[in-house]
């Protein structure tokens, strides 16, 4: 305990400098936590993508439609277990363009829930969805965003798909699904394709893309090639790829998130390392005589090294742990922009990475000053005092 009190007294010697250094480390780790949550938001679809799932879309562009009749032909391809199609609806709630979210008609509720087991829906809601033509299921986070509950009637308007006769599309919420994993997107709104196809003003029989589950994940590449070969030279050729690659393509539309994250954090932590290292170097220079006295009364070189490293590590821990804690509290409150970032949290494994970075920062920042203190000779240190 006497060594702890010694380190504590050294930290209190220059209070303003110590607090400014701690604040710098705090800001760095708040930024680390928020950027990690942002990366998780953009790559959540990749994280939960199934190895046994493929996505087939129009070969030219995702915005171009495919025939609904492809469903039957896809199921006949060897290795295909099931297939379901989606169409981007772009529903808007309460005539407010800010109240948009991922909303899509799907061809078969049973097949949809079988292909995407990460969407957990009660059995009673599953049965009511099958029995209710205008029924829709919504994710837990979306229901919380608008205060929806089971049984509510929800009117939506779509700038892409106007309804015959005009007016809003009417849906009944028959179930709220949960996510089997933390990274599961629960901001979706799914409804039945038969209701959508009969009521839309144009585009009957056309769909956006297909999700296909293969019987053997090891054969996914072969099945993808067979699917594309089935529709080659047709007016609606397809491009089939693993679901993870499809989700990654969306994330990379704004750039390589991982590379940008590493670049920003590298610059920030290099700067903080210089700040913390300079703080420790100044502290050691100011205590040259004291270090000489400590060695003169029996402190070993190794013990002096440990004391300086402990001082540096405590500064890093004080700023880093509070910074990580602040970032965790901010992300635990949910997404600040649920319509854009439906998944927003700080994963536990990145918290552990942050803890490792805190200790690494403390040790590296204090290493050179600690080595200087360890090598300091008693005669040289006391001569300065004289």
Protein backbone atom coordinates (compact mmCIF):
# COMPACT_ATOMS: atom_id res chain seq x y z
CA UNK A 1 0.00 0.00 0.00
CA UNK A 2 2.89 2.40 0.66
CA UNK A 3 3.85 2.18 -3.01
CA UNK A 4 0.28 2.99 -4.07
CA UNK A 5 0.26 6.10 -1.91
CA UNK A 6 3.60 7.10 -3.41
CA UNK A 7 2.21 6.82 -6.94
CA UNK A 8 -0.90 8.73 -5.91
CA UNK A 9 1.16 11.57 -4.45
CA UNK A 10 3.14 11.80 -7.67
CA UNK A 11 -0.07 12.10 -9.69
CA UNK A 12 -1.31 14.90 -7.44
CA UNK A 13 1.90 16.89 -7.82
CA UNK A 14 0.68 18.63 -10.99
CA UNK A 15 -3.08 18.28 -10.76
CA UNK A 16 -4.00 20.33 -13.82
CA UNK A 17 -1.57 18.45 -16.07
CA UNK A 18 -2.78 15.12 -14.75
CA UNK A 19 -6.44 15.97 -15.27
CA UNK A 20 -5.86 17.29 -18.78
CA UNK A 21 -4.04 14.09 -19.70
CA UNK A 22 -6.86 11.98 -18.24
CA UNK A 23 -9.39 14.06 -20.17
CA UNK A 24 -7.49 13.46 -23.42
CA UNK A 25 -7.52 9.71 -22.82
CA UNK A 26 -11.22 9.88 -21.89
CA UNK A 27 -12.13 11.57 -25.17
CA UNK A 28 -10.07 9.06 -27.15
CA UNK A 29 -11.88 6.07 -25.69
CA UNK A 30 -15.33 7.64 -26.00
CA UNK A 31 -14.50 8.07 -29.68
CA UNK A 32 -13.25 4.48 -29.84
CA UNK A 33 -16.51 3.15 -28.40
CA UNK A 34 -18.76 5.24 -30.64
CA UNK A 35 -16.82 4.36 -33.79
CA UNK A 36 -16.97 0.67 -32.92
CA UNK A 37 -20.74 0.94 -32.46
CA UNK A 38 -20.97 2.74 -35.79
CA UNK A 39 -18.99 -0.01 -37.49
CA UNK A 40 -21.29 -2.61 -35.92
CA UNK A 41 -24.31 -0.68 -37.23
CA UNK A 42 -23.04 -0.78 -40.82
CA UNK A 43 -21.86 -4.40 -40.73
CA UNK A 44 -24.62 -5.98 -38.63
CA UNK A 45 -26.12 -7.64 -41.71
CA UNK A 46 -22.78 -9.30 -42.42
CA UNK A 47 -22.49 -10.54 -38.83
CA UNK A 48 -25.86 -12.34 -38.83
CA UNK A 49 -25.77 -13.51 -42.45
CA UNK A 50 -26.38 -17.24 -42.75
CA UNK A 51 -23.82 -19.41 -44.51
CA UNK A 52 -26.70 -21.34 -46.06
CA UNK A 53 -28.42 -18.26 -47.54
CA UNK A 54 -28.03 -16.75 -50.99
CA UNK A 55 -29.43 -13.53 -52.43
CA UNK A 56 -30.48 -13.41 -56.09
CA UNK A 57 -31.15 -10.02 -57.68
CA UNK A 58 -31.28 -8.52 -61.16
CA UNK A 59 -27.86 -8.74 -62.80
CA UNK A 60 -27.82 -5.07 -63.75
CA UNK A 61 -29.01 -3.41 -60.55
CA UNK A 62 -30.89 -4.09 -57.36
CA UNK A 63 -33.48 -1.46 -58.28
CA UNK A 64 -34.51 -3.49 -61.36
CA UNK A 65 -37.25 -6.02 -60.75
CA UNK A 66 -37.50 -9.77 -61.37
CA UNK A 67 -40.56 -11.89 -62.29
CA UNK A 68 -42.42 -13.47 -59.40
CA UNK A 69 -42.61 -16.64 -61.51
CA UNK A 70 -38.90 -17.27 -60.84
CA UNK A 71 -39.87 -18.70 -57.44
CA UNK A 72 -41.04 -22.01 -58.88
CA UNK A 73 -38.03 -22.39 -61.16
CA UNK A 74 -35.59 -21.62 -58.32
CA UNK A 75 -37.05 -24.31 -56.10
CA UNK A 76 -36.43 -26.87 -58.85
CA UNK A 77 -32.67 -26.20 -58.88
CA UNK A 78 -30.79 -29.09 -57.19
CA UNK A 79 -29.55 -28.02 -53.78
CA UNK A 80 -32.19 -25.32 -53.20
CA UNK A 81 -34.15 -25.98 -50.02
CA UNK A 82 -36.49 -22.97 -50.12
CA UNK A 83 -36.86 -19.51 -51.63
CA UNK A 84 -38.76 -16.36 -50.72
CA UNK A 85 -38.87 -13.01 -52.46
CA UNK A 86 -38.85 -9.42 -51.18
CA UNK A 87 -39.74 -6.05 -52.69
CA UNK A 88 -38.64 -2.71 -51.30
CA UNK A 89 -41.80 -0.85 -50.25
CA UNK A 90 -40.35 2.27 -48.59
CA UNK A 91 -43.31 2.84 -46.33
CA UNK A 92 -43.78 6.25 -44.69
CA UNK A 93 -45.77 6.65 -41.49
CA UNK A 94 -47.97 9.67 -40.68
CA UNK A 95 -47.12 11.43 -43.98
CA UNK A 96 -43.72 12.39 -42.56
CA UNK A 97 -40.76 11.56 -44.78
CA UNK A 98 -38.60 11.22 -41.67
CA UNK A 99 -40.80 8.32 -40.51
CA UNK A 100 -39.54 5.81 -43.04
CA UNK A 101 -38.14 2.36 -42.30
CA UNK A 102 -37.39 -0.95 -43.97
CA UNK A 103 -40.77 -2.28 -45.08
CA UNK A 104 -41.18 -5.17 -47.51
CA UNK A 105 -43.80 -7.61 -48.74
CA UNK A 106 -42.67 -11.24 -48.61
CA UNK A 107 -44.04 -14.11 -50.62
CA UNK A 108 -44.57 -16.74 -47.92
CA UNK A 109 -44.57 -16.05 -44.16
CA UNK A 110 -43.79 -19.68 -43.30
CA UNK A 111 -40.87 -19.88 -45.70
CA UNK A 112 -39.64 -16.46 -44.58
CA UNK A 113 -39.46 -17.47 -40.91
CA UNK A 114 -37.83 -20.78 -41.82
CA UNK A 115 -35.11 -19.11 -43.90
CA UNK A 116 -34.50 -16.40 -41.25
CA UNK A 117 -34.61 -18.17 -37.87
CA UNK A 118 -33.00 -15.15 -36.17
CA UNK A 119 -36.44 -13.50 -36.33
CA UNK A 120 -38.24 -14.95 -33.31
CA UNK A 121 -42.02 -14.71 -33.57
CA UNK A 122 -44.57 -16.32 -31.19
CA UNK A 123 -46.50 -19.23 -32.66
CA UNK A 124 -49.83 -17.47 -32.14
CA UNK A 125 -48.60 -14.47 -34.13
CA UNK A 126 -47.32 -16.78 -36.85
CA UNK A 127 -50.76 -18.36 -37.24
CA UNK A 128 -52.56 -15.01 -37.25
CA UNK A 129 -50.18 -13.71 -39.91
CA UNK A 130 -51.11 -16.60 -42.14
CA UNK A 131 -54.82 -15.96 -41.55
CA UNK A 132 -54.82 -12.15 -41.88
CA UNK A 133 -54.44 -10.83 -45.40
CA UNK A 134 -53.47 -7.32 -44.30
CA UNK A 135 -51.39 -8.63 -41.40
CA UNK A 136 -47.86 -7.40 -40.76
CA UNK A 137 -45.11 -8.22 -38.30
CA UNK A 138 -42.77 -5.56 -36.94
CA UNK A 139 -39.45 -5.70 -35.10
CA UNK A 140 -39.20 -4.88 -31.43
CA UNK A 141 -37.12 -1.72 -31.96
CA UNK A 142 -39.52 -0.42 -34.64
CA UNK A 143 -42.53 -1.08 -32.45
CA UNK A 144 -40.84 0.79 -29.62
CA UNK A 145 -39.98 3.69 -31.90
CA UNK A 146 -43.62 4.40 -32.76
CA UNK A 147 -45.33 2.89 -29.72
CA UNK A 148 -47.04 0.17 -31.75
CA UNK A 149 -48.58 -2.90 -30.19
CA UNK A 150 -50.24 -6.05 -31.47
CA UNK A 151 -53.69 -5.29 -32.90
CA UNK A 152 -52.91 -1.73 -34.00
CA UNK A 153 -54.00 -0.57 -37.44
CA UNK A 154 -51.10 1.16 -39.19
CA UNK A 155 -51.55 3.28 -42.35
CA UNK A 156 -48.48 3.63 -44.57
CA UNK A 157 -47.85 5.51 -47.80
CA UNK A 158 -45.27 4.50 -50.35
CA UNK A 159 -43.78 6.92 -52.90
CA UNK A 160 -42.77 3.89 -54.98
CA UNK A 161 -45.94 1.81 -54.87
CA UNK A 162 -49.17 3.83 -54.91
CA UNK A 163 -52.30 1.91 -54.04
CA UNK A 164 -55.19 1.41 -56.46
CA UNK A 165 -57.80 4.01 -55.75
CA UNK A 166 -55.28 6.17 -53.89
CA UNK A 167 -55.01 6.60 -50.17
CA UNK A 168 -52.82 4.88 -47.61
CA UNK A 169 -52.07 1.18 -47.32
CA UNK A 170 -53.72 -0.28 -44.22
CA UNK A 171 -51.98 -2.94 -42.16
CA UNK A 172 -52.84 -4.74 -38.95
CA UNK A 173 -49.94 -5.57 -36.64
CA UNK A 174 -50.34 -9.25 -35.81
CA UNK A 175 -46.98 -9.84 -34.16
CA UNK A 176 -43.78 -8.28 -32.87
CA UNK A 177 -40.64 -10.27 -33.52
CA UNK A 178 -37.52 -10.35 -31.38
CA UNK A 179 -33.93 -10.88 -32.46
CA UNK A 180 -32.24 -14.16 -31.60
CA UNK A 181 -28.90 -12.27 -31.54
CA UNK A 182 -27.95 -8.80 -30.38
CA UNK A 183 -26.87 -7.90 -33.92
CA UNK A 184 -30.24 -8.89 -35.41
CA UNK A 185 -32.03 -5.98 -37.05
CA UNK A 186 -35.41 -5.58 -35.34
CA UNK A 187 -36.44 -2.44 -37.22
CA UNK A 188 -38.20 -4.22 -40.09
CA UNK A 189 -41.83 -4.22 -41.19
CA UNK A 190 -42.93 -7.31 -43.18
CA UNK A 191 -46.30 -8.00 -44.75
CA UNK A 192 -47.87 -10.39 -47.25
CA UNK A 193 -47.10 -10.19 -50.95
CA UNK A 194 -50.54 -11.36 -52.11
CA UNK A 195 -52.18 -8.32 -50.50
CA UNK A 196 -49.52 -6.03 -51.93
CA UNK A 197 -49.59 -7.44 -55.45
CA UNK A 198 -53.36 -7.22 -55.84
CA UNK A 199 -53.65 -3.68 -54.44
CA UNK A 200 -50.69 -1.92 -56.09
CA UNK A 201 -51.36 0.33 -59.07
CA UNK A 202 -48.58 -1.08 -61.28
CA UNK A 203 -45.90 -3.74 -61.47
CA UNK A 204 -48.07 -6.79 -60.80
CA UNK A 205 -46.07 -10.01 -60.81
CA UNK A 206 -42.71 -8.28 -60.27
CA UNK A 207 -40.50 -8.55 -57.19
CA UNK A 208 -37.25 -7.04 -55.93
CA UNK A 209 -34.94 -9.92 -55.00
CA UNK A 210 -34.92 -13.49 -53.71
CA UNK A 211 -33.52 -15.04 -50.55
CA UNK A 212 -32.64 -18.69 -51.10
CA UNK A 213 -31.66 -21.28 -48.52
CA UNK A 214 -29.45 -24.09 -49.72
CA UNK A 215 -29.58 -27.60 -48.30
CA UNK A 216 -25.78 -27.85 -47.95
CA UNK A 217 -23.82 -24.64 -47.17
CA UNK A 218 -20.70 -26.24 -48.68
CA UNK A 219 -22.50 -26.33 -52.03
CA UNK A 220 -23.64 -22.69 -51.90
CA UNK A 221 -21.25 -21.54 -54.64
CA UNK A 222 -22.33 -24.33 -56.98
CA UNK A 223 -26.02 -23.59 -56.34
CA UNK A 224 -25.45 -19.87 -56.97
CA UNK A 225 -23.85 -20.66 -60.34
CA UNK A 226 -26.72 -23.00 -61.23
CA UNK A 227 -29.29 -20.34 -60.36
CA UNK A 228 -27.64 -17.75 -62.59
CA UNK A 229 -27.27 -20.30 -65.38
CA UNK A 230 -30.99 -21.02 -65.21
CA UNK A 231 -31.85 -17.45 -66.21
CA UNK A 232 -28.91 -16.61 -68.48
CA UNK A 233 -29.84 -14.94 -71.81
CA UNK A 234 -33.31 -14.17 -70.47
CA UNK A 235 -34.72 -10.62 -70.26
CA UNK A 236 -34.21 -10.84 -66.47
CA UNK A 237 -30.78 -12.30 -65.81
CA UNK A 238 -29.77 -12.73 -62.18
CA UNK A 239 -26.73 -12.25 -59.99
CA UNK A 240 -26.64 -14.64 -57.04
CA UNK A 241 -24.21 -14.26 -54.16
CA UNK A 242 -23.90 -15.23 -50.49
CA UNK A 243 -25.99 -13.13 -48.14
CA UNK A 244 -22.86 -11.89 -46.37
CA UNK A 245 -21.40 -10.55 -49.62
CA UNK A 246 -24.73 -8.92 -50.45
CA UNK A 247 -24.85 -7.17 -47.05
CA UNK A 248 -21.20 -6.17 -47.33
CA UNK A 249 -21.93 -4.53 -50.65
CA UNK A 250 -24.47 -2.25 -48.96
CA UNK A 251 -21.99 -1.31 -46.23
CA UNK A 252 -19.27 -0.52 -48.74
CA UNK A 253 -21.46 1.90 -50.65
CA UNK A 254 -20.24 4.58 -48.25
CA UNK A 255 -16.69 3.23 -48.19
CA UNK A 256 -14.60 0.64 -46.38
CA UNK A 257 -15.86 1.14 -42.82
CA UNK A 258 -13.12 -1.00 -41.29
CA UNK A 259 -10.30 0.91 -43.00
CA UNK A 260 -11.78 4.28 -42.10
CA UNK A 261 -12.20 3.19 -38.48
CA UNK A 262 -8.59 2.02 -38.23
CA UNK A 263 -7.28 5.21 -39.85
CA UNK A 264 -9.21 7.51 -37.51
CA UNK A 265 -8.38 5.57 -34.37
CA UNK A 266 -4.72 5.25 -35.32
CA UNK A 267 -4.41 9.02 -35.67
CA UNK A 268 -6.26 9.63 -32.40
CA UNK A 269 -4.29 7.11 -30.35
CA UNK A 270 -0.95 8.17 -31.78
CA UNK A 271 -1.71 11.72 -30.67
CA UNK A 272 -2.84 10.57 -27.22
CA UNK A 273 0.27 8.41 -26.92
CA UNK A 274 2.44 11.49 -27.56
CA UNK A 275 0.47 13.51 -25.00
CA UNK A 276 0.66 10.84 -22.31
CA UNK A 277 4.30 10.08 -23.06
CA UNK A 278 5.21 13.76 -22.80
CA UNK A 279 3.36 14.03 -19.49
CA UNK A 280 5.30 11.12 -18.03
CA UNK A 281 8.62 12.38 -19.39
CA UNK A 282 8.07 15.78 -17.73
CA UNK A 283 7.03 14.13 -14.46
CA UNK A 284 10.20 12.01 -14.38
CA UNK A 285 12.47 14.97 -15.21
CA UNK A 286 10.91 17.02 -12.42
CA UNK A 287 11.58 14.24 -9.90
CA UNK A 288 15.16 13.41 -10.83
CA UNK A 289 16.49 14.26 -7.36
CA UNK A 290 13.68 12.36 -5.64
CA UNK A 291 14.34 9.28 -7.76
CA UNK A 292 18.01 9.48 -6.79
CA UNK A 293 17.04 9.64 -3.11
CA UNK A 294 14.73 6.65 -3.51
CA UNK A 295 17.57 4.63 -4.99
CA UNK A 296 19.92 5.85 -2.27
CA UNK A 297 17.59 4.52 0.48
CA UNK A 298 17.30 1.10 -1.16
CA UNK A 299 14.76 1.24 -4.01
CA UNK A 300 15.95 -1.08 -6.76
CA UNK A 301 16.07 -0.14 -10.43
CA UNK A 302 13.27 -2.59 -11.14
CA UNK A 303 11.04 -1.08 -8.44
CA UNK A 304 11.60 2.44 -9.81
CA UNK A 305 10.67 1.16 -13.28
CA UNK A 306 7.46 -0.37 -11.93
CA UNK A 307 6.48 2.80 -10.04
CA UNK A 308 6.77 4.98 -13.14
CA UNK A 309 4.85 2.44 -15.27
CA UNK A 310 2.18 2.20 -12.56
CA UNK A 311 1.76 5.98 -12.63
CA UNK A 312 1.37 5.98 -16.41
CA UNK A 313 -1.03 3.03 -16.33
CA UNK A 314 -3.21 4.66 -13.66
CA UNK A 315 -3.58 7.77 -15.82
CA UNK A 316 -4.57 5.61 -18.79
CA UNK A 317 -7.02 3.57 -16.69
CA UNK A 318 -8.65 6.65 -15.17
CA UNK A 319 -9.34 8.16 -18.59
CA UNK A 320 -9.82 4.97 -20.57
CA UNK A 321 -12.21 3.13 -18.26
CA UNK A 322 -14.44 6.17 -17.81
CA UNK A 323 -14.33 6.79 -21.58
CA UNK A 324 -15.35 3.21 -22.35
CA UNK A 325 -18.05 3.41 -19.70
CA UNK A 326 -19.43 6.62 -21.19
CA UNK A 327 -19.45 5.10 -24.68
CA UNK A 328 -21.25 2.01 -23.37
CA UNK A 329 -23.91 4.15 -21.66
CA UNK A 330 -24.44 6.20 -24.81
CA UNK A 331 -24.87 3.12 -27.02
CA UNK A 332 -26.96 1.26 -24.43
CA UNK A 333 -29.64 3.91 -24.89
CA UNK A 334 -30.30 2.68 -28.43
CA UNK A 335 -29.68 4.15 -31.83
CA UNK A 336 -29.76 7.95 -32.17
CA UNK A 337 -31.04 7.48 -35.75
CA UNK A 338 -33.10 4.25 -35.83
CA UNK A 339 -34.19 4.79 -39.42
CA UNK A 340 -30.56 4.86 -40.60
CA UNK A 341 -28.75 2.83 -37.92
CA UNK A 342 -31.22 0.22 -36.65
CA UNK A 343 -28.46 -1.73 -34.88
CA UNK A 344 -26.28 0.40 -32.61
CA UNK A 345 -24.41 -1.11 -29.65
CA UNK A 346 -20.90 -1.72 -28.37
CA UNK A 347 -20.13 -5.46 -28.64
CA UNK A 348 -18.55 -7.14 -25.57
CA UNK A 349 -15.52 -8.36 -27.52
CA UNK A 350 -14.71 -4.78 -28.54
CA UNK A 351 -14.99 -3.72 -24.90
CA UNK A 352 -12.28 -6.28 -24.15
CA UNK A 353 -10.21 -4.89 -27.02
CA UNK A 354 -10.64 -1.44 -25.48
CA UNK A 355 -9.43 -2.71 -22.10
CA UNK A 356 -6.34 -4.14 -23.75
CA UNK A 357 -5.71 -0.83 -25.49
CA UNK A 358 -5.97 1.03 -22.18
CA UNK A 359 -3.24 -1.07 -20.56
CA UNK A 360 -1.18 -0.95 -23.73
CA UNK A 361 -1.43 2.83 -23.86
CA UNK A 362 -0.38 3.15 -20.22
CA UNK A 363 2.60 0.84 -20.61
CA UNK A 364 3.84 2.28 -23.91
CA UNK A 365 3.43 5.91 -22.81
CA UNK A 366 5.42 5.29 -19.64
CA UNK A 367 8.02 2.90 -21.02
CA UNK A 368 10.71 5.38 -22.15
CA UNK A 369 10.43 7.63 -19.05
CA UNK A 370 10.47 4.49 -16.86
CA UNK A 371 13.63 3.20 -18.55
CA UNK A 372 15.27 6.59 -18.08
CA UNK A 373 14.36 6.52 -14.39
CA UNK A 374 15.65 2.97 -14.03
CA UNK A 375 19.01 3.84 -15.63
CA UNK A 376 19.43 7.02 -13.61
CA UNK A 377 22.56 6.85 -11.47
CA UNK A 378 22.38 8.05 -7.87
CA UNK A 379 25.46 10.26 -8.14
CA UNK A 380 24.11 12.05 -11.21
CA UNK A 381 20.69 12.63 -9.66
CA UNK A 382 22.05 13.94 -6.33
CA UNK A 383 24.62 16.15 -8.05
CA UNK A 384 21.74 18.10 -9.59
CA UNK A 385 20.34 18.68 -6.12
CA UNK A 386 23.66 19.95 -4.89
